[in-house]
Amino acid sequence: MFARTQHRTETTVTHRRTEAQIPPHEIEFRIRYAETDQMGVVYHANYLVWCEVGRTEFIRARGLSYAEMERAGVGLAVADLSMRFHAPARYDDVVRVVTTLTAVRSRAITFGYVISSVGSGDRLVTAETTLIALDRAGRPVSLPADVRGLFEPVT
């Protein structure tokens, strides 16, 4: 399935994945005191870290650690981020990060995230990141076929 997206005057074709094709990855953990402010509410920047945890574990579950990918000469840098806060998370709550693959292009991968409270089921944050493939010198490159293959549906 292809979706056409418009950004200013540039049109790109994006290969869109669905959850049925690439299963989402879930991870749960307990909120640590250091992640909160004096009122026991999670500081907003920690949600970015949790998205990174979800993303790296998603990639690991597909068969390659992020460290191995970097040793092979490919890095992924966040090029775009959007985040919407729905409800606060608090110290000692258990949260779930569900990470999905939403798009793969020749040089970029987009992930979606839903962070929720395990106890209440409340949605806390929804987010999306687009990562650009970089070589060791920090220049954009195409994703190698073996790395891109990690994001293909298993048949």
N, C-alpha and C. Protein backbone atom coordinates (compact mmCIF):
# COMPACT_ATOMS: atom_id res chain seq x y z
N MET A 1 0.85 -1.16 0.00
CA MET A 1 0.00 0.00 0.00
C MET A 1 0.90 1.23 0.00
N PHE A 2 0.60 2.16 -0.86
CA PHE A 2 1.38 3.39 -0.94
C PHE A 2 0.50 4.56 -0.55
N ALA A 3 1.10 5.52 0.14
CA ALA A 3 0.40 6.75 0.50
C ALA A 3 1.19 7.92 -0.04
N ARG A 4 0.52 8.91 -0.55
CA ARG A 4 1.19 10.08 -1.08
C ARG A 4 1.09 11.18 -0.03
N THR A 5 2.24 11.75 0.31
CA THR A 5 2.26 12.83 1.29
C THR A 5 2.83 14.07 0.65
N GLN A 6 2.33 15.23 1.00
CA GLN A 6 2.77 16.50 0.43
C GLN A 6 3.48 17.32 1.50
N HIS A 7 4.68 17.75 1.25
CA HIS A 7 5.43 18.63 2.13
C HIS A 7 5.85 19.83 1.30
N ARG A 8 5.20 20.96 1.54
CA ARG A 8 5.42 22.17 0.77
C ARG A 8 5.21 21.86 -0.70
N THR A 9 6.22 22.01 -1.55
CA THR A 9 6.02 21.73 -2.97
C THR A 9 6.58 20.36 -3.36
N GLU A 10 7.15 19.64 -2.41
CA GLU A 10 7.76 18.35 -2.71
C GLU A 10 6.78 17.22 -2.41
N THR A 11 6.63 16.31 -3.34
CA THR A 11 5.77 15.16 -3.15
C THR A 11 6.64 13.91 -3.08
N THR A 12 6.39 13.07 -2.09
CA THR A 12 7.14 11.83 -1.96
C THR A 12 6.18 10.67 -1.85
N VAL A 13 6.63 9.51 -2.27
CA VAL A 13 5.85 8.30 -2.13
C VAL A 13 6.46 7.53 -0.98
N THR A 14 5.63 7.16 -0.04
CA THR A 14 6.08 6.46 1.16
C THR A 14 5.48 5.07 1.19
N HIS A 15 6.31 4.08 1.45
CA HIS A 15 5.81 2.72 1.63
C HIS A 15 5.28 2.62 3.05
N ARG A 16 3.98 2.48 3.21
CA ARG A 16 3.34 2.43 4.52
C ARG A 16 3.16 0.99 4.96
N ARG A 17 3.41 0.74 6.23
CA ARG A 17 3.21 -0.57 6.84
C ARG A 17 1.97 -0.50 7.72
N THR A 18 1.38 -1.64 7.94
CA THR A 18 0.30 -1.71 8.90
C THR A 18 0.72 -2.62 10.03
N GLU A 19 0.02 -2.50 11.14
CA GLU A 19 0.35 -3.33 12.29
C GLU A 19 0.25 -4.81 11.95
N ALA A 20 -0.66 -5.19 11.04
CA ALA A 20 -0.82 -6.59 10.67
C ALA A 20 0.42 -7.11 9.96
N GLN A 21 1.13 -6.22 9.23
CA GLN A 21 2.32 -6.66 8.50
C GLN A 21 3.53 -6.74 9.42
N ILE A 22 3.77 -5.72 10.18
CA ILE A 22 4.90 -5.69 11.12
C ILE A 22 4.29 -5.56 12.50
N PRO A 23 4.40 -6.58 13.33
CA PRO A 23 3.77 -6.48 14.65
C PRO A 23 4.41 -5.38 15.49
N PRO A 24 3.60 -4.71 16.30
CA PRO A 24 4.17 -3.70 17.20
C PRO A 24 5.03 -4.37 18.27
N HIS A 25 5.87 -3.58 18.88
CA HIS A 25 6.70 -4.08 19.98
C HIS A 25 6.26 -3.38 21.25
N GLU A 26 6.13 -4.14 22.34
CA GLU A 26 5.73 -3.57 23.62
C GLU A 26 6.81 -3.80 24.66
N ILE A 27 6.99 -2.79 25.50
CA ILE A 27 7.90 -2.91 26.63
C ILE A 27 7.26 -2.19 27.81
N GLU A 28 7.42 -2.75 29.00
CA GLU A 28 6.87 -2.15 30.21
C GLU A 28 7.99 -1.92 31.21
N PHE A 29 7.85 -0.85 32.00
CA PHE A 29 8.80 -0.58 33.07
C PHE A 29 8.17 0.35 34.10
N ARG A 30 8.78 0.37 35.26
CA ARG A 30 8.31 1.20 36.37
C ARG A 30 9.03 2.55 36.33
N ILE A 31 8.28 3.62 36.56
CA ILE A 31 8.85 4.97 36.54
C ILE A 31 9.72 5.16 37.77
N ARG A 32 10.94 5.62 37.53
CA ARG A 32 11.91 5.85 38.60
C ARG A 32 11.78 7.28 39.16
N TYR A 33 12.16 7.44 40.39
CA TYR A 33 12.07 8.74 41.06
C TYR A 33 12.83 9.82 40.29
N ALA A 34 13.98 9.47 39.74
CA ALA A 34 14.81 10.43 39.01
C ALA A 34 14.13 10.97 37.75
N GLU A 35 13.09 10.31 37.28
CA GLU A 35 12.38 10.75 36.07
C GLU A 35 11.26 11.74 36.37
N THR A 36 11.08 12.09 37.63
CA THR A 36 9.96 12.94 38.02
C THR A 36 10.43 14.28 38.59
N ASP A 37 9.47 15.21 38.69
CA ASP A 37 9.75 16.49 39.32
C ASP A 37 9.37 16.40 40.81
N GLN A 38 9.38 17.52 41.51
CA GLN A 38 9.09 17.52 42.95
C GLN A 38 7.67 17.07 43.26
N MET A 39 6.79 17.15 42.29
CA MET A 39 5.40 16.74 42.52
C MET A 39 5.18 15.27 42.16
N GLY A 40 6.25 14.57 41.76
CA GLY A 40 6.13 13.16 41.41
C GLY A 40 5.61 12.91 40.02
N VAL A 41 5.55 13.97 39.17
CA VAL A 41 5.08 13.84 37.80
C VAL A 41 6.29 13.70 36.87
N VAL A 42 6.18 12.84 35.89
CA VAL A 42 7.29 12.60 34.96
C VAL A 42 7.60 13.88 34.20
N TYR A 43 8.89 14.23 34.16
CA TYR A 43 9.39 15.36 33.39
C TYR A 43 9.25 15.03 31.90
N HIS A 44 8.76 15.99 31.11
CA HIS A 44 8.39 15.73 29.71
C HIS A 44 9.50 15.14 28.85
N ALA A 45 10.73 15.52 29.07
CA ALA A 45 11.82 15.02 28.22
C ALA A 45 12.05 13.52 28.38
N ASN A 46 11.60 12.95 29.49
CA ASN A 46 11.78 11.51 29.68
C ASN A 46 10.96 10.69 28.70
N TYR A 47 9.87 11.24 28.20
CA TYR A 47 9.09 10.50 27.21
C TYR A 47 9.90 10.28 25.93
N LEU A 48 10.78 11.22 25.60
CA LEU A 48 11.67 11.04 24.43
C LEU A 48 12.59 9.84 24.64
N VAL A 49 13.11 9.73 25.86
CA VAL A 49 13.98 8.59 26.20
C VAL A 49 13.19 7.29 26.09
N TRP A 50 11.96 7.31 26.56
CA TRP A 50 11.14 6.10 26.50
C TRP A 50 10.82 5.71 25.06
N CYS A 51 10.65 6.70 24.19
CA CYS A 51 10.46 6.40 22.76
C CYS A 51 11.72 5.73 22.21
N GLU A 52 12.88 6.23 22.61
CA GLU A 52 14.13 5.62 22.15
C GLU A 52 14.23 4.18 22.64
N VAL A 53 13.86 3.92 23.88
CA VAL A 53 13.87 2.56 24.40
C VAL A 53 12.95 1.68 23.56
N GLY A 54 11.74 2.17 23.30
CA GLY A 54 10.80 1.41 22.48
C GLY A 54 11.35 1.13 21.09
N ARG A 55 11.96 2.13 20.48
CA ARG A 55 12.50 2.00 19.12
C ARG A 55 13.68 1.03 19.07
N THR A 56 14.61 1.15 20.00
CA THR A 56 15.78 0.26 19.97
C THR A 56 15.37 -1.18 20.27
N GLU A 57 14.39 -1.37 21.15
CA GLU A 57 13.93 -2.72 21.43
C GLU A 57 13.11 -3.28 20.26
N PHE A 58 12.39 -2.41 19.54
CA PHE A 58 11.69 -2.83 18.32
C PHE A 58 12.71 -3.37 17.32
N ILE A 59 13.80 -2.62 17.10
CA ILE A 59 14.83 -3.03 16.15
C ILE A 59 15.50 -4.32 16.62
N ARG A 60 15.79 -4.42 17.90
CA ARG A 60 16.42 -5.64 18.45
C ARG A 60 15.49 -6.85 18.23
N ALA A 61 14.20 -6.66 18.44
CA ALA A 61 13.24 -7.75 18.24
C ALA A 61 13.17 -8.19 16.78
N ARG A 62 13.57 -7.32 15.86
CA ARG A 62 13.60 -7.66 14.44
C ARG A 62 14.88 -8.40 14.07
N GLY A 63 15.84 -8.51 15.02
CA GLY A 63 17.01 -9.34 14.77
C GLY A 63 18.36 -8.65 14.74
N LEU A 64 18.42 -7.36 15.05
CA LEU A 64 19.69 -6.64 15.02
C LEU A 64 19.69 -5.59 16.11
N SER A 65 20.74 -5.58 16.91
CA SER A 65 20.81 -4.52 17.92
C SER A 65 21.25 -3.23 17.24
N TYR A 66 20.88 -2.13 17.86
CA TYR A 66 21.27 -0.82 17.33
C TYR A 66 22.80 -0.70 17.34
N ALA A 67 23.44 -1.25 18.36
CA ALA A 67 24.91 -1.22 18.44
C ALA A 67 25.54 -1.96 17.26
N GLU A 68 24.97 -3.10 16.89
CA GLU A 68 25.48 -3.85 15.74
C GLU A 68 25.30 -3.06 14.45
N MET A 69 24.17 -2.38 14.34
CA MET A 69 23.91 -1.56 13.16
C MET A 69 24.94 -0.45 13.05
N GLU A 70 25.25 0.20 14.17
CA GLU A 70 26.25 1.26 14.16
C GLU A 70 27.64 0.72 13.84
N ARG A 71 27.98 -0.45 14.37
CA ARG A 71 29.28 -1.06 14.06
C ARG A 71 29.40 -1.37 12.57
N ALA A 72 28.26 -1.64 11.93
CA ALA A 72 28.25 -1.90 10.48
C ALA A 72 28.30 -0.61 9.67
N GLY A 73 28.31 0.53 10.35
CA GLY A 73 28.49 1.81 9.66
C GLY A 73 27.22 2.60 9.40
N VAL A 74 26.09 2.17 9.97
CA VAL A 74 24.83 2.89 9.76
C VAL A 74 24.32 3.40 11.10
N GLY A 75 24.05 4.68 11.15
CA GLY A 75 23.41 5.27 12.33
C GLY A 75 22.06 5.82 11.94
N LEU A 76 21.20 5.96 12.92
CA LEU A 76 19.88 6.57 12.68
C LEU A 76 19.77 7.79 13.58
N ALA A 77 19.52 8.93 12.98
CA ALA A 77 19.39 10.18 13.73
C ALA A 77 17.97 10.71 13.60
N VAL A 78 17.42 11.18 14.71
CA VAL A 78 16.07 11.74 14.69
C VAL A 78 16.07 13.01 13.85
N ALA A 79 15.23 13.02 12.82
CA ALA A 79 15.10 14.19 11.95
C ALA A 79 13.80 14.94 12.20
N ASP A 80 12.81 14.23 12.72
CA ASP A 80 11.52 14.85 12.97
C ASP A 80 10.89 14.16 14.17
N LEU A 81 10.19 14.95 14.97
CA LEU A 81 9.55 14.43 16.18
C LEU A 81 8.26 15.18 16.42
N SER A 82 7.21 14.45 16.74
CA SER A 82 5.98 15.08 17.22
C SER A 82 5.53 14.29 18.44
N MET A 83 5.00 15.02 19.40
CA MET A 83 4.59 14.39 20.65
C MET A 83 3.37 15.11 21.18
N ARG A 84 2.38 14.33 21.62
CA ARG A 84 1.17 14.91 22.23
C ARG A 84 1.00 14.29 23.61
N PHE A 85 0.85 15.17 24.59
CA PHE A 85 0.68 14.75 25.97
C PHE A 85 -0.81 14.68 26.30
N HIS A 86 -1.26 13.54 26.81
CA HIS A 86 -2.67 13.33 27.11
C HIS A 86 -2.96 13.32 28.61
N ALA A 87 -2.06 12.73 29.40
CA ALA A 87 -2.25 12.63 30.84
C ALA A 87 -0.88 12.47 31.50
N PRO A 88 -0.76 12.87 32.75
CA PRO A 88 0.54 12.75 33.42
C PRO A 88 0.83 11.33 33.88
N ALA A 89 2.10 10.99 33.86
CA ALA A 89 2.58 9.75 34.47
C ALA A 89 3.24 10.14 35.79
N ARG A 90 3.21 9.23 36.75
CA ARG A 90 3.70 9.56 38.09
C ARG A 90 4.69 8.52 38.59
N TYR A 91 5.49 8.96 39.53
CA TYR A 91 6.48 8.09 40.16
C TYR A 91 5.86 6.77 40.59
N ASP A 92 6.57 5.69 40.29
CA ASP A 92 6.25 4.31 40.67
C ASP A 92 5.14 3.68 39.83
N ASP A 93 4.52 4.43 38.91
CA ASP A 93 3.56 3.82 37.98
C ASP A 93 4.32 2.89 37.04
N VAL A 94 3.63 1.92 36.50
CA VAL A 94 4.19 1.07 35.45
C VAL A 94 3.61 1.57 34.14
N VAL A 95 4.49 1.82 33.17
CA VAL A 95 4.06 2.30 31.86
C VAL A 95 4.39 1.27 30.79
N ARG A 96 3.63 1.34 29.72
CA ARG A 96 3.84 0.48 28.55
C ARG A 96 4.13 1.38 27.36
N VAL A 97 5.17 1.05 26.61
CA VAL A 97 5.48 1.76 25.38
C VAL A 97 5.23 0.77 24.24
N VAL A 98 4.28 1.13 23.37
CA VAL A 98 4.00 0.31 22.19
C VAL A 98 4.57 1.07 20.99
N THR A 99 5.49 0.41 20.30
CA THR A 99 6.17 1.01 19.15
C THR A 99 5.73 0.31 17.88
N THR A 100 5.36 1.10 16.87
CA THR A 100 4.97 0.55 15.58
C THR A 100 5.81 1.20 14.48
N LEU A 101 6.02 0.45 13.44
CA LEU A 101 6.68 0.96 12.25
C LEU A 101 5.60 1.54 11.36
N THR A 102 5.74 2.81 10.99
CA THR A 102 4.69 3.43 10.16
C THR A 102 5.14 3.72 8.73
N ALA A 103 6.44 3.86 8.48
CA ALA A 103 6.90 4.10 7.11
C ALA A 103 8.38 3.74 6.98
N VAL A 104 8.74 3.25 5.81
CA VAL A 104 10.14 2.99 5.47
C VAL A 104 10.38 3.59 4.10
N ARG A 105 11.39 4.43 4.01
CA ARG A 105 11.81 5.00 2.74
C ARG A 105 13.28 4.65 2.53
N SER A 106 13.84 5.04 1.43
CA SER A 106 15.22 4.66 1.12
C SER A 106 16.21 5.15 2.17
N ARG A 107 15.98 6.33 2.75
CA ARG A 107 16.91 6.89 3.73
C ARG A 107 16.29 7.15 5.09
N ALA A 108 15.03 6.81 5.27
CA ALA A 108 14.36 7.18 6.53
C ALA A 108 13.37 6.11 6.98
N ILE A 109 13.18 6.07 8.29
CA ILE A 109 12.23 5.15 8.92
C ILE A 109 11.39 5.98 9.89
N THR A 110 10.08 5.75 9.91
CA THR A 110 9.20 6.47 10.83
C THR A 110 8.55 5.47 11.77
N PHE A 111 8.59 5.81 13.05
CA PHE A 111 8.00 4.99 14.10
C PHE A 111 6.90 5.77 14.81
N GLY A 112 5.86 5.07 15.24
CA GLY A 112 4.82 5.65 16.07
C GLY A 112 4.88 5.02 17.45
N TYR A 113 4.46 5.77 18.46
CA TYR A 113 4.53 5.31 19.85
C TYR A 113 3.24 5.66 20.57
N VAL A 114 2.79 4.75 21.41
CA VAL A 114 1.73 5.04 22.37
C VAL A 114 2.28 4.63 23.73
N ILE A 115 2.33 5.60 24.63
CA ILE A 115 2.79 5.34 25.99
C ILE A 115 1.56 5.41 26.87
N SER A 116 1.32 4.35 27.63
CA SER A 116 0.12 4.28 28.45
C SER A 116 0.44 3.76 29.84
N SER A 117 -0.48 4.00 30.76
CA SER A 117 -0.38 3.49 32.12
C SER A 117 -0.88 2.06 32.14
N VAL A 118 -0.07 1.15 32.66
CA VAL A 118 -0.49 -0.25 32.75
C VAL A 118 -1.62 -0.38 33.77
N GLY A 119 -1.53 0.35 34.89
CA GLY A 119 -2.53 0.25 35.94
C GLY A 119 -3.90 0.74 35.53
N SER A 120 -3.97 1.92 34.95
CA SER A 120 -5.27 2.51 34.61
C SER A 120 -5.67 2.28 33.15
N GLY A 121 -4.70 1.98 32.31
CA GLY A 121 -4.96 1.86 30.88
C GLY A 121 -5.02 3.19 30.16
N ASP A 122 -4.86 4.30 30.90
CA ASP A 122 -4.92 5.63 30.29
C ASP A 122 -3.79 5.85 29.31
N ARG A 123 -4.12 6.47 28.18
CA ARG A 123 -3.09 6.88 27.23
C ARG A 123 -2.43 8.13 27.79
N LEU A 124 -1.10 8.10 27.89
CA LEU A 124 -0.34 9.22 28.45
C LEU A 124 0.23 10.11 27.36
N VAL A 125 0.84 9.49 26.36
CA VAL A 125 1.50 10.23 25.28
C VAL A 125 1.37 9.45 23.99
N THR A 126 1.18 10.17 22.88
CA THR A 126 1.34 9.60 21.55
C THR A 126 2.45 10.39 20.88
N ALA A 127 3.28 9.69 20.12
CA ALA A 127 4.42 10.35 19.50
C ALA A 127 4.76 9.68 18.18
N GLU A 128 5.56 10.38 17.38
CA GLU A 128 6.07 9.85 16.13
C GLU A 128 7.46 10.42 15.90
N THR A 129 8.39 9.58 15.48
CA THR A 129 9.73 10.04 15.11
C THR A 129 10.07 9.53 13.72
N THR A 130 10.77 10.37 12.97
CA THR A 130 11.34 9.96 11.70
C THR A 130 12.85 10.02 11.86
N LEU A 131 13.50 8.92 11.52
CA LEU A 131 14.95 8.82 11.64
C LEU A 131 15.58 8.70 10.27
N ILE A 132 16.68 9.41 10.08
CA ILE A 132 17.43 9.42 8.83
C ILE A 132 18.67 8.54 8.99
N ALA A 133 18.97 7.74 7.98
CA ALA A 133 20.17 6.91 7.98
C ALA A 133 21.39 7.78 7.68
N LEU A 134 22.42 7.62 8.49
CA LEU A 134 23.67 8.38 8.32
C LEU A 134 24.85 7.44 8.26
N ASP A 135 25.88 7.84 7.49
CA ASP A 135 27.13 7.08 7.50
C ASP A 135 27.98 7.55 8.68
N ARG A 136 29.17 7.00 8.80
CA ARG A 136 30.03 7.33 9.95
C ARG A 136 30.46 8.80 9.97
N ALA A 137 30.43 9.45 8.81
CA ALA A 137 30.80 10.86 8.73
C ALA A 137 29.60 11.77 8.98
N GLY A 138 28.43 11.18 9.22
CA GLY A 138 27.24 11.97 9.49
C GLY A 138 26.49 12.43 8.26
N ARG A 139 26.80 11.84 7.10
CA ARG A 139 26.10 12.18 5.86
C ARG A 139 24.93 11.24 5.63
N PRO A 140 23.80 11.77 5.13
CA PRO A 140 22.65 10.89 4.82
C PRO A 140 23.03 9.86 3.76
N VAL A 141 22.58 8.64 3.99
CA VAL A 141 22.82 7.53 3.07
C VAL A 141 21.55 6.69 2.96
N SER A 142 21.51 5.88 1.93
CA SER A 142 20.41 4.92 1.80
C SER A 142 20.60 3.82 2.83
N LEU A 143 19.49 3.30 3.32
CA LEU A 143 19.57 2.16 4.23
C LEU A 143 20.10 0.95 3.48
N PRO A 144 21.10 0.26 4.03
CA PRO A 144 21.58 -0.96 3.37
C PRO A 144 20.45 -1.98 3.27
N ALA A 145 20.51 -2.81 2.27
CA ALA A 145 19.45 -3.79 2.02
C ALA A 145 19.19 -4.69 3.23
N ASP A 146 20.27 -5.11 3.92
CA ASP A 146 20.06 -6.00 5.07
C ASP A 146 19.36 -5.28 6.22
N VAL A 147 19.66 -4.00 6.42
CA VAL A 147 18.98 -3.23 7.46
C VAL A 147 17.53 -2.97 7.04
N ARG A 148 17.35 -2.58 5.81
CA ARG A 148 15.98 -2.35 5.31
C ARG A 148 15.14 -3.62 5.39
N GLY A 149 15.79 -4.76 5.17
CA GLY A 149 15.10 -6.04 5.27
C GLY A 149 14.54 -6.33 6.65
N LEU A 150 15.12 -5.74 7.68
CA LEU A 150 14.60 -5.90 9.05
C LEU A 150 13.18 -5.40 9.16
N PHE A 151 12.81 -4.47 8.31
CA PHE A 151 11.52 -3.81 8.41
C PHE A 151 10.52 -4.31 7.37
N GLU A 152 10.84 -5.46 6.77
CA GLU A 152 9.94 -6.10 5.84
C GLU A 152 9.09 -7.11 6.61
N PRO A 153 7.86 -7.32 6.18
CA PRO A 153 7.00 -8.31 6.86
C PRO A 153 7.61 -9.70 6.77
N VAL A 154 7.43 -10.48 7.82
CA VAL A 154 7.86 -11.87 7.83
C VAL A 154 6.77 -12.69 7.18
N THR A 155 7.14 -13.46 6.17
CA THR A 155 6.12 -14.26 5.47
C THR A 155 6.26 -15.72 5.77
